[in-house]
Amino acid sequence: MRSPSDPPVREKARKPERPASREDRLKAALKANMARRKAQARARTAEDADGQTKDEE
């Protein structure tokens, strides 16, 4: 049996959430930015392929 002063088992098992560090936030922002830039580059390449080429001018 537990003593009344012991915290419930649920509270022991739960890890305290620490706020994301600056480095983690910057890493996530950089990853999102790179993904966005790659998508933009792919879209531009697709537009160039669909549009006129230099030979058609």
PDB file of N, CA and C in Angstrom:
ATOM      1  N   MET A   1       0.818  -1.188   0.000  1.00  0.00           N
ATOM      2  CA  MET A   1       0.000   0.000   0.000  1.00  0.00           C
ATOM      3  C   MET A   1       0.864   1.255   0.000  1.00  0.00           C
ATOM      4  N   ARG A   2       0.311   2.320  -0.576  1.00  0.00           N
ATOM      5  CA  ARG A   2       1.027   3.592  -0.624  1.00  0.00           C
ATOM      6  C   ARG A   2       0.680   4.425   0.589  1.00  0.00           C
ATOM      7  N   SER A   3       1.587   5.310   0.883  1.00  0.00           N
ATOM      8  CA  SER A   3       1.265   6.265   1.938  1.00  0.00           C
ATOM      9  C   SER A   3       0.553   7.450   1.290  1.00  0.00           C
ATOM     10  N   PRO A   4      -0.238   8.176   2.029  1.00  0.00           N
ATOM     11  CA  PRO A   4      -0.983   9.313   1.459  1.00  0.00           C
ATOM     12  C   PRO A   4      -0.073  10.402   0.893  1.00  0.00           C
ATOM     13  N   SER A   5       1.170  10.467   1.326  1.00  0.00           N
ATOM     14  CA  SER A   5       2.057  11.518   0.837  1.00  0.00           C
ATOM     15  C   SER A   5       2.676  11.186  -0.520  1.00  0.00           C
ATOM     16  N   ASP A   6       2.591   9.914  -0.964  1.00  0.00           N
ATOM     17  CA  ASP A   6       3.134   9.537  -2.266  1.00  0.00           C
ATOM     18  C   ASP A   6       2.258  10.109  -3.379  1.00  0.00           C
ATOM     19  N   PRO A   7       2.887  10.637  -4.425  1.00  0.00           N
ATOM     20  CA  PRO A   7       2.086  11.123  -5.551  1.00  0.00           C
ATOM     21  C   PRO A   7       1.481   9.940  -6.298  1.00  0.00           C
ATOM     22  N   PRO A   8       0.392  10.149  -6.993  1.00  0.00           N
ATOM     23  CA  PRO A   8      -0.216   9.064  -7.772  1.00  0.00           C
ATOM     24  C   PRO A   8       0.779   8.506  -8.792  1.00  0.00           C
ATOM     25  N   VAL A   9       0.583   7.277  -9.175  1.00  0.00           N
ATOM     26  CA  VAL A   9       1.495   6.603 -10.094  1.00  0.00           C
ATOM     27  C   VAL A   9       1.556   7.338 -11.431  1.00  0.00           C
ATOM     28  N   ARG A  10       0.439   7.868 -11.893  1.00  0.00           N
ATOM     29  CA  ARG A  10       0.411   8.594 -13.171  1.00  0.00           C
ATOM     30  C   ARG A  10       1.404   9.739 -13.175  1.00  0.00           C
ATOM     31  N   GLU A  11       1.468  10.474 -12.109  1.00  0.00           N
ATOM     32  CA  GLU A  11       2.343  11.640 -12.059  1.00  0.00           C
ATOM     33  C   GLU A  11       3.806  11.241 -12.041  1.00  0.00           C
ATOM     34  N   LYS A  12       4.138  10.100 -11.471  1.00  0.00           N
ATOM     35  CA  LYS A  12       5.521   9.641 -11.465  1.00  0.00           C
ATOM     36  C   LYS A  12       5.968   9.260 -12.872  1.00  0.00           C
ATOM     37  N   ALA A  13       5.087   8.619 -13.625  1.00  0.00           N
ATOM     38  CA  ALA A  13       5.444   8.123 -14.947  1.00  0.00           C
ATOM     39  C   ALA A  13       5.593   9.252 -15.963  1.00  0.00           C
ATOM     40  N   ARG A  14       4.890  10.327 -15.782  1.00  0.00           N
ATOM     41  CA  ARG A  14       4.917  11.433 -16.737  1.00  0.00           C
ATOM     42  C   ARG A  14       6.217  12.213 -16.590  1.00  0.00           C
ATOM     43  N   LYS A  15       6.904  12.420 -17.716  1.00  0.00           N
ATOM     44  CA  LYS A  15       8.129  13.213 -17.700  1.00  0.00           C
ATOM     45  C   LYS A  15       7.748  14.684 -17.839  1.00  0.00           C
ATOM     46  N   PRO A  16       8.421  15.538 -17.137  1.00  0.00           N
ATOM     47  CA  PRO A  16       8.119  16.964 -17.304  1.00  0.00           C
ATOM     48  C   PRO A  16       8.558  17.415 -18.696  1.00  0.00           C
ATOM     49  N   GLU A  17       7.692  18.175 -19.350  1.00  0.00           N
ATOM     50  CA  GLU A  17       8.019  18.663 -20.680  1.00  0.00           C
ATOM     51  C   GLU A  17       8.891  19.900 -20.547  1.00  0.00           C
ATOM     52  N   ARG A  18      10.034  19.861 -21.217  1.00  0.00           N
ATOM     53  CA  ARG A  18      10.902  21.036 -21.183  1.00  0.00           C
ATOM     54  C   ARG A  18      10.659  21.842 -22.448  1.00  0.00           C
ATOM     55  N   PRO A  19      10.764  23.120 -22.352  1.00  0.00           N
ATOM     56  CA  PRO A  19      10.556  23.929 -23.549  1.00  0.00           C
ATOM     57  C   PRO A  19      11.655  23.637 -24.570  1.00  0.00           C
ATOM     58  N   ALA A  20      11.321  23.753 -25.831  1.00  0.00           N
ATOM     59  CA  ALA A  20      12.291  23.496 -26.889  1.00  0.00           C
ATOM     60  C   ALA A  20      13.426  24.510 -26.787  1.00  0.00           C
ATOM     61  N   SER A  21      14.634  24.024 -26.930  1.00  0.00           N
ATOM     62  CA  SER A  21      15.772  24.922 -26.846  1.00  0.00           C
ATOM     63  C   SER A  21      15.845  25.777 -28.113  1.00  0.00           C
ATOM     64  N   ARG A  22      16.611  26.822 -28.040  1.00  0.00           N
ATOM     65  CA  ARG A  22      16.760  27.725 -29.181  1.00  0.00           C
ATOM     66  C   ARG A  22      17.318  26.966 -30.380  1.00  0.00           C
ATOM     67  N   GLU A  23      18.286  26.102 -30.119  1.00  0.00           N
ATOM     68  CA  GLU A  23      18.897  25.336 -31.200  1.00  0.00           C
ATOM     69  C   GLU A  23      17.876  24.423 -31.884  1.00  0.00           C
ATOM     70  N   ASP A  24      17.011  23.788 -31.094  1.00  0.00           N
ATOM     71  CA  ASP A  24      15.976  22.923 -31.663  1.00  0.00           C
ATOM     72  C   ASP A  24      14.993  23.727 -32.515  1.00  0.00           C
ATOM     73  N   ARG A  25      14.614  24.907 -32.026  1.00  0.00           N
ATOM     74  CA  ARG A  25      13.683  25.746 -32.791  1.00  0.00           C
ATOM     75  C   ARG A  25      14.314  26.212 -34.098  1.00  0.00           C
ATOM     76  N   LEU A  26      15.594  26.610 -34.037  1.00  0.00           N
ATOM     77  CA  LEU A  26      16.276  27.056 -35.247  1.00  0.00           C
ATOM     78  C   LEU A  26      16.428  25.909 -36.245  1.00  0.00           C
ATOM     79  N   LYS A  27      16.719  24.726 -35.737  1.00  0.00           N
ATOM     80  CA  LYS A  27      16.861  23.556 -36.602  1.00  0.00           C
ATOM     81  C   LYS A  27      15.550  23.259 -37.327  1.00  0.00           C
ATOM     82  N   ALA A  28      14.442  23.329 -36.602  1.00  0.00           N
ATOM     83  CA  ALA A  28      13.129  23.076 -37.204  1.00  0.00           C
ATOM     84  C   ALA A  28      12.783  24.155 -38.228  1.00  0.00           C
ATOM     85  N   ALA A  29      13.098  25.406 -37.918  1.00  0.00           N
ATOM     86  CA  ALA A  29      12.808  26.500 -38.844  1.00  0.00           C
ATOM     87  C   ALA A  29      13.639  26.363 -40.117  1.00  0.00           C
ATOM     88  N   LEU A  30      14.902  25.983 -39.975  1.00  0.00           N
ATOM     89  CA  LEU A  30      15.762  25.802 -41.139  1.00  0.00           C
ATOM     90  C   LEU A  30      15.255  24.667 -42.018  1.00  0.00           C
ATOM     91  N   LYS A  31      14.844  23.582 -41.388  1.00  0.00           N
ATOM     92  CA  LYS A  31      14.329  22.436 -42.145  1.00  0.00           C
ATOM     93  C   LYS A  31      13.078  22.825 -42.934  1.00  0.00           C
ATOM     94  N   ALA A  32      12.173  23.567 -42.302  1.00  0.00           N
ATOM     95  CA  ALA A  32      10.951  24.007 -42.973  1.00  0.00           C
ATOM     96  C   ALA A  32      11.280  24.965 -44.118  1.00  0.00           C
ATOM     97  N   ASN A  33      12.235  25.863 -43.893  1.00  0.00           N
ATOM     98  CA  ASN A  33      12.625  26.824 -44.917  1.00  0.00           C
ATOM     99  C   ASN A  33      13.235  26.113 -46.124  1.00  0.00           C
ATOM    100  N   MET A  34      14.104  25.137 -45.867  1.00  0.00           N
ATOM    101  CA  MET A  34      14.728  24.400 -46.966  1.00  0.00           C
ATOM    102  C   MET A  34      13.684  23.619 -47.764  1.00  0.00           C
ATOM    103  N   ALA A  35      12.728  23.020 -47.084  1.00  0.00           N
ATOM    104  CA  ALA A  35      11.667  22.280 -47.773  1.00  0.00           C
ATOM    105  C   ALA A  35      10.844  23.220 -48.644  1.00  0.00           C
ATOM    106  N   ARG A  36      10.544  24.409 -48.130  1.00  0.00           N
ATOM    107  CA  ARG A  36       9.767  25.391 -48.890  1.00  0.00           C
ATOM    108  C   ARG A  36      10.548  25.855 -50.125  1.00  0.00           C
ATOM    109  N   ARG A  37      11.842  26.108 -49.959  1.00  0.00           N
ATOM    110  CA  ARG A  37      12.662  26.559 -51.087  1.00  0.00           C
ATOM    111  C   ARG A  37      12.807  25.478 -52.147  1.00  0.00           C
ATOM    112  N   LYS A  38      12.947  24.218 -51.718  1.00  0.00           N
ATOM    113  CA  LYS A  38      13.033  23.115 -52.679  1.00  0.00           C
ATOM    114  C   LYS A  38      11.735  22.990 -53.467  1.00  0.00           C
ATOM    115  N   ALA A  39      10.609  23.143 -52.784  1.00  0.00           N
ATOM    116  CA  ALA A  39       9.313  23.064 -53.459  1.00  0.00           C
ATOM    117  C   ALA A  39       9.179  24.198 -54.474  1.00  0.00           C
ATOM    118  N   GLN A  40       9.636  25.390 -54.116  1.00  0.00           N
ATOM    119  CA  GLN A  40       9.577  26.519 -55.040  1.00  0.00           C
ATOM    120  C   GLN A  40      10.460  26.268 -56.258  1.00  0.00           C
ATOM    121  N   ALA A  41      11.641  25.715 -56.034  1.00  0.00           N
ATOM    122  CA  ALA A  41      12.556  25.427 -57.139  1.00  0.00           C
ATOM    123  C   ALA A  41      11.964  24.370 -58.065  1.00  0.00           C
ATOM    124  N   ARG A  42      11.337  23.348 -57.489  1.00  0.00           N
ATOM    125  CA  ARG A  42      10.700  22.316 -58.313  1.00  0.00           C
ATOM    126  C   ARG A  42       9.561  22.919 -59.135  1.00  0.00           C
ATOM    127  N   ALA A  43       8.796  23.824 -58.529  1.00  0.00           N
ATOM    128  CA  ALA A  43       7.683  24.459 -59.240  1.00  0.00           C
ATOM    129  C   ALA A  43       8.208  25.311 -60.390  1.00  0.00           C
ATOM    130  N   ARG A  44       9.311  26.036 -60.158  1.00  0.00           N
ATOM    131  CA  ARG A  44       9.896  26.846 -61.222  1.00  0.00           C
ATOM    132  C   ARG A  44      10.404  25.966 -62.361  1.00  0.00           C
ATOM    133  N   THR A  45      11.030  24.862 -62.020  1.00  0.00           N
ATOM    134  CA  THR A  45      11.541  23.943 -63.037  1.00  0.00           C
ATOM    135  C   THR A  45      10.393  23.365 -63.850  1.00  0.00           C
ATOM    136  N   ALA A  46       9.305  23.028 -63.198  1.00  0.00           N
ATOM    137  CA  ALA A  46       8.138  22.486 -63.895  1.00  0.00           C
ATOM    138  C   ALA A  46       7.538  23.538 -64.825  1.00  0.00           C
ATOM    139  N   GLU A  47       7.502  24.790 -64.396  1.00  0.00           N
ATOM    140  CA  GLU A  47       6.982  25.869 -65.244  1.00  0.00           C
ATOM    141  C   GLU A  47       7.860  26.047 -66.472  1.00  0.00           C
ATOM    142  N   ASP A  48       9.174  25.988 -66.288  1.00  0.00           N
ATOM    143  CA  ASP A  48      10.095  26.141 -67.411  1.00  0.00           C
ATOM    144  C   ASP A  48       9.917  25.007 -68.412  1.00  0.00           C
ATOM    145  N   ALA A  49       9.697  23.817 -67.940  1.00  0.00           N
ATOM    146  CA  ALA A  49       9.518  22.666 -68.826  1.00  0.00           C
ATOM    147  C   ALA A  49       8.201  22.778 -69.589  1.00  0.00           C
ATOM    148  N   ASP A  50       7.178  23.310 -68.959  1.00  0.00           N
ATOM    149  CA  ASP A  50       5.878  23.465 -69.608  1.00  0.00           C
ATOM    150  C   ASP A  50       5.852  24.666 -70.555  1.00  0.00           C
ATOM    151  N   GLY A  51       6.650  25.658 -70.254  1.00  0.00           N
ATOM    152  CA  GLY A  51       6.642  26.884 -71.053  1.00  0.00           C
ATOM    153  C   GLY A  51       7.564  26.782 -72.246  1.00  0.00           C
ATOM    154  N   GLN A  52       7.947  27.939 -72.760  1.00  0.00           N
ATOM    155  CA  GLN A  52       8.812  27.986 -73.929  1.00  0.00           C
ATOM    156  C   GLN A  52      10.236  27.614 -73.548  1.00  0.00           C
ATOM    157  N   THR A  53      10.923  27.002 -74.499  1.00  0.00           N
ATOM    158  CA  THR A  53      12.340  26.716 -74.306  1.00  0.00           C
ATOM    159  C   THR A  53      13.135  27.731 -75.108  1.00  0.00           C
ATOM    160  N   LYS A  54      14.424  27.773 -74.935  1.00  0.00           N
ATOM    161  CA  LYS A  54      15.264  28.732 -75.643  1.00  0.00           C
ATOM    162  C   LYS A  54      15.256  28.468 -77.150  1.00  0.00           C
ATOM    163  N   ASP A  55      15.077  27.215 -77.558  1.00  0.00           N
ATOM    164  CA  ASP A  55      15.072  26.866 -78.973  1.00  0.00           C
ATOM    165  C   ASP A  55      13.839  27.397 -79.686  1.00  0.00           C
ATOM    166  N   GLU A  56      12.750  27.614 -78.983  1.00  0.00           N
ATOM    167  CA  GLU A  56      11.503  28.066 -79.598  1.00  0.00           C
ATOM    168  C   GLU A  56      11.501  29.557 -79.894  1.00  0.00           C
ATOM    169  N   GLU A  57      12.403  30.297 -79.344  1.00  0.00           N
ATOM    170  CA  GLU A  57      12.399  31.748 -79.526  1.00  0.00           C
ATOM    171  C   GLU A  57      12.759  32.172 -80.894  1.00  0.00           C
TER     172      GLU A  57
END
